[in-house]
């Protein structure tokens, strides 16, 4: 994993009920210089979305409480149009990817997602300020 990034520091929300996966991804994203909050279920994620604005949400789909689809829809309902919403899921079928897009996800990665790939997506949407 590279720790050099050309993206400005972002505020990210990582959502995954697998605590090891969530904490690992959060640690990698912090290594890129981002501020990261972590939620371990869909309800906790929605509470955090109500409390704060995030530049991007990196979210599993299969979550307890509320699904990742519901979390993505909540981002849209809150009017956070500038928030990038990325699915990181163990489900890799085309219908899951299409459902993710319909729910409001901008991108869909199949686990295990490479942090460098996520960082490239962030760089394309949030270029460093010059």
N, C-alpha and C. Protein backbone atom coordinates (compact mmCIF):
# COMPACT_ATOMS: atom_id res chain seq x y z
N UNK A 1 0.85 -1.19 0.00
CA UNK A 1 0.00 0.00 0.00
C UNK A 1 0.88 1.23 0.00
N UNK A 2 0.56 2.16 -0.83
CA UNK A 2 1.26 3.44 -0.90
C UNK A 2 0.68 4.39 0.12
N UNK A 3 1.52 5.23 0.71
CA UNK A 3 1.01 6.24 1.63
C UNK A 3 1.09 7.63 1.01
N UNK A 4 1.53 7.70 -0.23
CA UNK A 4 1.59 8.98 -0.92
C UNK A 4 0.29 9.15 -1.70
N UNK A 5 -0.32 10.30 -1.55
CA UNK A 5 -1.60 10.53 -2.21
C UNK A 5 -1.63 11.93 -2.78
N UNK A 6 -2.37 12.07 -3.85
CA UNK A 6 -2.52 13.41 -4.44
C UNK A 6 -3.91 13.97 -4.15
N UNK A 7 -4.65 13.34 -3.27
CA UNK A 7 -5.97 13.81 -2.90
C UNK A 7 -5.86 14.58 -1.58
N UNK A 8 -6.67 15.60 -1.44
CA UNK A 8 -6.67 16.34 -0.17
C UNK A 8 -7.21 15.42 0.93
N UNK A 9 -6.86 15.67 2.16
CA UNK A 9 -7.41 14.84 3.24
C UNK A 9 -8.94 14.92 3.25
N UNK A 10 -9.58 13.78 3.31
CA UNK A 10 -11.03 13.69 3.26
C UNK A 10 -11.58 13.15 4.57
N UNK A 11 -12.87 13.39 4.78
CA UNK A 11 -13.57 12.81 5.92
C UNK A 11 -14.37 11.63 5.39
N UNK A 12 -14.01 10.42 5.84
CA UNK A 12 -14.60 9.20 5.33
C UNK A 12 -15.38 8.46 6.42
N UNK A 13 -16.40 7.74 5.98
CA UNK A 13 -17.14 6.83 6.85
C UNK A 13 -16.98 5.43 6.28
N UNK A 14 -16.40 4.53 7.06
CA UNK A 14 -16.27 3.12 6.69
C UNK A 14 -17.35 2.35 7.44
N UNK A 15 -18.12 1.54 6.70
CA UNK A 15 -19.23 0.79 7.30
C UNK A 15 -19.09 -0.68 6.93
N UNK A 16 -18.91 -1.52 7.94
CA UNK A 16 -18.83 -2.97 7.71
C UNK A 16 -19.09 -3.68 9.02
N UNK A 17 -19.90 -4.73 9.01
CA UNK A 17 -20.17 -5.48 10.23
C UNK A 17 -19.03 -6.43 10.58
N UNK A 18 -18.13 -6.66 9.67
CA UNK A 18 -16.92 -7.42 9.96
C UNK A 18 -15.93 -6.43 10.56
N UNK A 19 -15.77 -6.47 11.87
CA UNK A 19 -14.96 -5.45 12.54
C UNK A 19 -13.51 -5.44 12.05
N UNK A 20 -12.96 -6.61 11.77
CA UNK A 20 -11.59 -6.66 11.27
C UNK A 20 -11.47 -5.97 9.91
N UNK A 21 -12.43 -6.24 9.03
CA UNK A 21 -12.41 -5.61 7.70
C UNK A 21 -12.59 -4.10 7.82
N UNK A 22 -13.53 -3.67 8.66
CA UNK A 22 -13.78 -2.24 8.83
C UNK A 22 -12.56 -1.53 9.41
N UNK A 23 -12.00 -2.10 10.46
CA UNK A 23 -10.85 -1.47 11.11
C UNK A 23 -9.62 -1.46 10.21
N UNK A 24 -9.45 -2.52 9.45
CA UNK A 24 -8.33 -2.61 8.52
C UNK A 24 -8.42 -1.56 7.42
N UNK A 25 -9.60 -1.44 6.82
CA UNK A 25 -9.79 -0.44 5.77
C UNK A 25 -9.64 0.97 6.35
N UNK A 26 -10.18 1.19 7.54
CA UNK A 26 -10.05 2.51 8.17
C UNK A 26 -8.58 2.85 8.40
N UNK A 27 -7.82 1.88 8.86
CA UNK A 27 -6.38 2.09 9.10
C UNK A 27 -5.67 2.44 7.80
N UNK A 28 -5.99 1.74 6.73
CA UNK A 28 -5.37 2.04 5.42
C UNK A 28 -5.73 3.45 4.96
N UNK A 29 -6.99 3.82 5.11
CA UNK A 29 -7.42 5.14 4.67
C UNK A 29 -6.78 6.24 5.52
N UNK A 30 -6.59 5.97 6.80
CA UNK A 30 -5.86 6.93 7.65
C UNK A 30 -4.42 7.06 7.19
N UNK A 31 -3.85 5.95 6.71
CA UNK A 31 -2.49 5.97 6.17
C UNK A 31 -2.36 6.89 4.97
N UNK A 32 -3.44 7.10 4.26
CA UNK A 32 -3.46 8.04 3.14
C UNK A 32 -3.69 9.47 3.61
N UNK A 33 -3.90 9.66 4.91
CA UNK A 33 -4.08 11.00 5.47
C UNK A 33 -5.52 11.42 5.68
N UNK A 34 -6.45 10.50 5.53
CA UNK A 34 -7.86 10.83 5.69
C UNK A 34 -8.29 10.71 7.16
N UNK A 35 -9.34 11.46 7.51
CA UNK A 35 -9.99 11.32 8.81
C UNK A 35 -11.11 10.30 8.62
N UNK A 36 -11.15 9.29 9.48
CA UNK A 36 -12.06 8.17 9.25
C UNK A 36 -12.89 7.87 10.49
N UNK A 37 -14.21 7.76 10.28
CA UNK A 37 -15.12 7.25 11.30
C UNK A 37 -15.53 5.85 10.85
N UNK A 38 -15.86 5.00 11.82
CA UNK A 38 -16.23 3.62 11.51
C UNK A 38 -17.57 3.29 12.15
N UNK A 39 -18.42 2.61 11.38
CA UNK A 39 -19.69 2.08 11.89
C UNK A 39 -19.72 0.59 11.59
N UNK A 40 -20.27 -0.19 12.51
CA UNK A 40 -20.29 -1.64 12.37
C UNK A 40 -21.66 -2.19 12.02
N UNK A 41 -22.64 -1.32 11.81
CA UNK A 41 -23.95 -1.76 11.31
C UNK A 41 -24.63 -0.58 10.63
N UNK A 42 -25.71 -0.88 9.92
CA UNK A 42 -26.39 0.15 9.15
C UNK A 42 -27.02 1.24 9.99
N UNK A 43 -27.57 0.88 11.13
CA UNK A 43 -28.19 1.89 11.99
C UNK A 43 -27.16 2.88 12.52
N UNK A 44 -26.01 2.36 12.95
CA UNK A 44 -24.93 3.23 13.44
C UNK A 44 -24.44 4.16 12.33
N UNK A 45 -24.36 3.63 11.11
CA UNK A 45 -23.93 4.45 9.97
C UNK A 45 -24.89 5.61 9.74
N UNK A 46 -26.19 5.32 9.77
CA UNK A 46 -27.18 6.37 9.55
C UNK A 46 -27.11 7.42 10.65
N UNK A 47 -26.91 7.00 11.90
CA UNK A 47 -26.75 7.97 12.99
C UNK A 47 -25.57 8.89 12.73
N UNK A 48 -24.46 8.33 12.29
CA UNK A 48 -23.28 9.15 11.99
C UNK A 48 -23.54 10.09 10.81
N UNK A 49 -24.30 9.63 9.83
CA UNK A 49 -24.63 10.48 8.68
C UNK A 49 -25.47 11.68 9.11
N UNK A 50 -26.35 11.49 10.09
CA UNK A 50 -27.15 12.60 10.59
C UNK A 50 -26.31 13.59 11.40
N UNK A 51 -25.25 13.08 12.04
CA UNK A 51 -24.42 13.91 12.90
C UNK A 51 -23.35 14.70 12.16
N UNK A 52 -22.95 14.23 10.98
CA UNK A 52 -21.79 14.84 10.32
C UNK A 52 -21.85 14.63 8.81
N UNK A 53 -21.18 15.51 8.10
CA UNK A 53 -21.03 15.36 6.65
C UNK A 53 -19.76 14.57 6.38
N UNK A 54 -19.83 13.64 5.44
CA UNK A 54 -18.66 12.88 5.01
C UNK A 54 -18.44 13.12 3.53
N UNK A 55 -17.17 13.18 3.14
CA UNK A 55 -16.85 13.32 1.72
C UNK A 55 -17.16 12.03 0.98
N UNK A 56 -16.93 10.90 1.64
CA UNK A 56 -17.19 9.59 1.02
C UNK A 56 -17.60 8.58 2.09
N UNK A 57 -18.45 7.65 1.66
CA UNK A 57 -18.90 6.55 2.50
C UNK A 57 -18.48 5.26 1.80
N UNK A 58 -17.71 4.44 2.51
CA UNK A 58 -17.25 3.15 2.00
C UNK A 58 -18.02 2.09 2.76
N UNK A 59 -18.96 1.43 2.08
CA UNK A 59 -19.99 0.69 2.80
C UNK A 59 -20.21 -0.73 2.27
N UNK A 60 -20.23 -1.68 3.19
CA UNK A 60 -20.63 -3.04 2.89
C UNK A 60 -22.13 -3.04 2.55
N UNK A 61 -22.59 -4.04 1.84
CA UNK A 61 -24.02 -4.12 1.50
C UNK A 61 -24.77 -4.95 2.52
N UNK A 62 -24.24 -6.11 2.89
CA UNK A 62 -24.92 -6.99 3.83
C UNK A 62 -24.62 -6.59 5.26
N UNK A 63 -25.47 -5.74 5.82
CA UNK A 63 -25.27 -5.21 7.17
C UNK A 63 -26.46 -5.54 8.07
N UNK A 64 -26.22 -5.71 9.37
CA UNK A 64 -27.34 -5.80 10.30
C UNK A 64 -27.97 -4.42 10.51
N UNK A 65 -29.20 -4.42 10.93
CA UNK A 65 -29.90 -3.14 11.18
C UNK A 65 -30.51 -2.60 9.92
N UNK A 66 -29.70 -1.96 9.12
CA UNK A 66 -30.11 -1.46 7.80
C UNK A 66 -29.08 -1.94 6.79
N UNK A 67 -29.53 -2.31 5.63
CA UNK A 67 -28.60 -2.78 4.60
C UNK A 67 -27.77 -1.63 4.06
N UNK A 68 -26.71 -1.97 3.39
CA UNK A 68 -25.90 -0.96 2.73
C UNK A 68 -26.70 -0.19 1.69
N UNK A 69 -27.67 -0.85 1.06
CA UNK A 69 -28.55 -0.16 0.12
C UNK A 69 -29.30 0.96 0.82
N UNK A 70 -29.80 0.67 2.03
CA UNK A 70 -30.53 1.69 2.79
C UNK A 70 -29.60 2.82 3.24
N UNK A 71 -28.37 2.48 3.59
CA UNK A 71 -27.40 3.51 3.97
C UNK A 71 -27.14 4.44 2.78
N UNK A 72 -26.92 3.86 1.60
CA UNK A 72 -26.69 4.67 0.40
C UNK A 72 -27.89 5.56 0.10
N UNK A 73 -29.08 5.01 0.22
CA UNK A 73 -30.29 5.81 -0.02
C UNK A 73 -30.40 6.95 0.99
N UNK A 74 -29.97 6.70 2.22
CA UNK A 74 -30.02 7.73 3.25
C UNK A 74 -29.09 8.90 2.92
N UNK A 75 -27.93 8.60 2.35
CA UNK A 75 -27.02 9.66 1.93
C UNK A 75 -27.73 10.57 0.94
N UNK A 76 -28.42 9.98 -0.02
CA UNK A 76 -29.15 10.76 -1.02
C UNK A 76 -30.30 11.54 -0.38
N UNK A 77 -31.02 10.89 0.55
CA UNK A 77 -32.15 11.55 1.23
C UNK A 77 -31.69 12.77 2.03
N UNK A 78 -30.47 12.71 2.55
CA UNK A 78 -29.94 13.83 3.33
C UNK A 78 -29.50 14.99 2.43
N UNK A 79 -29.47 14.75 1.13
CA UNK A 79 -29.08 15.80 0.20
C UNK A 79 -27.59 16.01 0.10
N UNK A 80 -26.81 15.02 0.55
CA UNK A 80 -25.36 15.12 0.45
C UNK A 80 -24.91 14.74 -0.96
N UNK A 81 -25.24 15.58 -1.91
CA UNK A 81 -24.97 15.26 -3.30
C UNK A 81 -23.49 15.17 -3.62
N UNK A 82 -22.65 15.82 -2.83
CA UNK A 82 -21.21 15.76 -3.06
C UNK A 82 -20.56 14.55 -2.43
N UNK A 83 -21.32 13.76 -1.70
CA UNK A 83 -20.77 12.60 -1.02
C UNK A 83 -20.65 11.44 -1.99
N UNK A 84 -19.44 10.90 -2.10
CA UNK A 84 -19.20 9.73 -2.93
C UNK A 84 -19.57 8.50 -2.10
N UNK A 85 -20.34 7.58 -2.67
CA UNK A 85 -20.79 6.40 -1.95
C UNK A 85 -20.27 5.17 -2.70
N UNK A 86 -19.44 4.39 -1.99
CA UNK A 86 -18.76 3.25 -2.59
C UNK A 86 -19.16 1.97 -1.87
N UNK A 87 -19.68 1.00 -2.62
CA UNK A 87 -20.00 -0.31 -2.06
C UNK A 87 -18.74 -1.15 -2.04
N UNK A 88 -18.53 -1.82 -0.91
CA UNK A 88 -17.44 -2.79 -0.79
C UNK A 88 -18.09 -4.04 -0.23
N UNK A 89 -18.31 -5.02 -1.10
CA UNK A 89 -19.17 -6.14 -0.74
C UNK A 89 -18.57 -7.49 -1.11
N UNK A 90 -19.02 -8.49 -0.42
CA UNK A 90 -18.63 -9.86 -0.75
C UNK A 90 -19.46 -10.45 -1.87
N UNK A 91 -20.52 -9.73 -2.26
CA UNK A 91 -21.40 -10.20 -3.34
C UNK A 91 -20.90 -9.61 -4.66
N UNK A 92 -20.53 -10.48 -5.60
CA UNK A 92 -19.95 -9.98 -6.84
C UNK A 92 -20.80 -10.13 -8.08
N UNK A 93 -22.04 -10.55 -7.94
CA UNK A 93 -22.86 -10.78 -9.14
C UNK A 93 -23.26 -9.46 -9.80
N UNK A 94 -23.57 -9.55 -11.07
CA UNK A 94 -23.96 -8.36 -11.83
C UNK A 94 -25.24 -7.75 -11.27
N UNK A 95 -26.18 -8.58 -10.82
CA UNK A 95 -27.44 -8.03 -10.30
C UNK A 95 -27.19 -7.24 -9.01
N UNK A 96 -26.23 -7.67 -8.19
CA UNK A 96 -25.89 -6.92 -6.97
C UNK A 96 -25.27 -5.57 -7.36
N UNK A 97 -24.41 -5.58 -8.36
CA UNK A 97 -23.79 -4.33 -8.80
C UNK A 97 -24.85 -3.37 -9.37
N UNK A 98 -25.81 -3.91 -10.10
CA UNK A 98 -26.89 -3.07 -10.64
C UNK A 98 -27.77 -2.54 -9.51
N UNK A 99 -28.08 -3.37 -8.53
CA UNK A 99 -28.88 -2.93 -7.38
C UNK A 99 -28.12 -1.86 -6.59
N UNK A 100 -26.81 -2.01 -6.48
CA UNK A 100 -26.00 -1.00 -5.79
C UNK A 100 -26.08 0.33 -6.51
N UNK A 101 -25.98 0.31 -7.81
CA UNK A 101 -26.08 1.54 -8.61
C UNK A 101 -27.46 2.18 -8.42
N UNK A 102 -28.50 1.38 -8.47
CA UNK A 102 -29.87 1.90 -8.30
C UNK A 102 -30.09 2.49 -6.90
N UNK A 103 -29.41 1.93 -5.89
CA UNK A 103 -29.56 2.43 -4.52
C UNK A 103 -28.80 3.73 -4.28
N UNK A 104 -27.90 4.08 -5.20
CA UNK A 104 -27.17 5.32 -5.05
C UNK A 104 -25.67 5.18 -4.90
N UNK A 105 -25.16 3.95 -4.96
CA UNK A 105 -23.71 3.78 -4.91
C UNK A 105 -23.09 4.27 -6.21
N UNK A 106 -21.99 4.98 -6.09
CA UNK A 106 -21.26 5.47 -7.26
C UNK A 106 -20.35 4.40 -7.84
N UNK A 107 -19.80 3.54 -6.98
CA UNK A 107 -18.89 2.47 -7.38
C UNK A 107 -19.20 1.24 -6.54
N UNK A 108 -18.81 0.07 -7.07
CA UNK A 108 -19.01 -1.18 -6.35
C UNK A 108 -17.74 -2.02 -6.48
N UNK A 109 -17.07 -2.28 -5.35
CA UNK A 109 -15.90 -3.13 -5.29
C UNK A 109 -16.28 -4.45 -4.61
N UNK A 110 -15.68 -5.54 -5.10
CA UNK A 110 -15.86 -6.83 -4.46
C UNK A 110 -14.71 -7.03 -3.48
N UNK A 111 -15.05 -7.53 -2.28
CA UNK A 111 -14.04 -7.78 -1.25
C UNK A 111 -13.10 -8.88 -1.70
N UNK A 112 -11.86 -8.80 -1.35
CA UNK A 112 -11.24 -7.70 -0.62
C UNK A 112 -10.87 -6.57 -1.57
N UNK A 113 -11.31 -5.39 -1.27
CA UNK A 113 -11.00 -4.23 -2.10
C UNK A 113 -9.58 -3.75 -1.78
N UNK A 114 -8.87 -3.37 -2.79
CA UNK A 114 -7.52 -2.85 -2.60
C UNK A 114 -7.59 -1.39 -2.20
N UNK A 115 -6.97 -1.01 -1.09
CA UNK A 115 -6.99 0.40 -0.67
C UNK A 115 -6.47 1.35 -1.75
N UNK A 116 -5.46 0.93 -2.51
CA UNK A 116 -4.94 1.80 -3.58
C UNK A 116 -6.01 2.05 -4.65
N UNK A 117 -6.84 1.05 -4.93
CA UNK A 117 -7.93 1.24 -5.91
C UNK A 117 -8.96 2.22 -5.38
N UNK A 118 -9.27 2.12 -4.09
CA UNK A 118 -10.22 3.07 -3.49
C UNK A 118 -9.62 4.47 -3.51
N UNK A 119 -8.35 4.58 -3.19
CA UNK A 119 -7.69 5.89 -3.19
C UNK A 119 -7.71 6.51 -4.59
N UNK A 120 -7.53 5.69 -5.63
CA UNK A 120 -7.59 6.22 -7.01
C UNK A 120 -8.98 6.80 -7.31
N UNK A 121 -10.01 6.13 -6.84
CA UNK A 121 -11.38 6.65 -7.02
C UNK A 121 -11.53 7.98 -6.29
N UNK A 122 -11.03 8.03 -5.07
CA UNK A 122 -11.10 9.28 -4.30
C UNK A 122 -10.34 10.39 -5.00
N UNK A 123 -9.16 10.08 -5.54
CA UNK A 123 -8.36 11.07 -6.26
C UNK A 123 -9.10 11.61 -7.47
N UNK A 124 -9.84 10.74 -8.15
CA UNK A 124 -10.55 11.20 -9.36
C UNK A 124 -11.71 12.12 -9.02
N UNK A 125 -12.27 11.98 -7.82
CA UNK A 125 -13.42 12.81 -7.42
C UNK A 125 -13.05 14.00 -6.56
N UNK A 126 -11.93 13.91 -5.88
CA UNK A 126 -11.52 14.96 -4.95
C UNK A 126 -10.05 15.31 -5.18
N UNK A 127 -9.73 15.96 -6.27
CA UNK A 127 -8.32 16.27 -6.54
C UNK A 127 -7.75 17.19 -5.46
N UNK A 128 -6.46 17.06 -5.27
CA UNK A 128 -5.78 17.91 -4.29
C UNK A 128 -5.92 19.37 -4.68
N UNK A 129 -6.08 20.20 -3.68
CA UNK A 129 -6.19 21.64 -3.94
C UNK A 129 -4.80 22.17 -4.22
N UNK A 130 -4.69 23.00 -5.23
CA UNK A 130 -3.38 23.56 -5.58
C UNK A 130 -3.26 25.00 -5.15
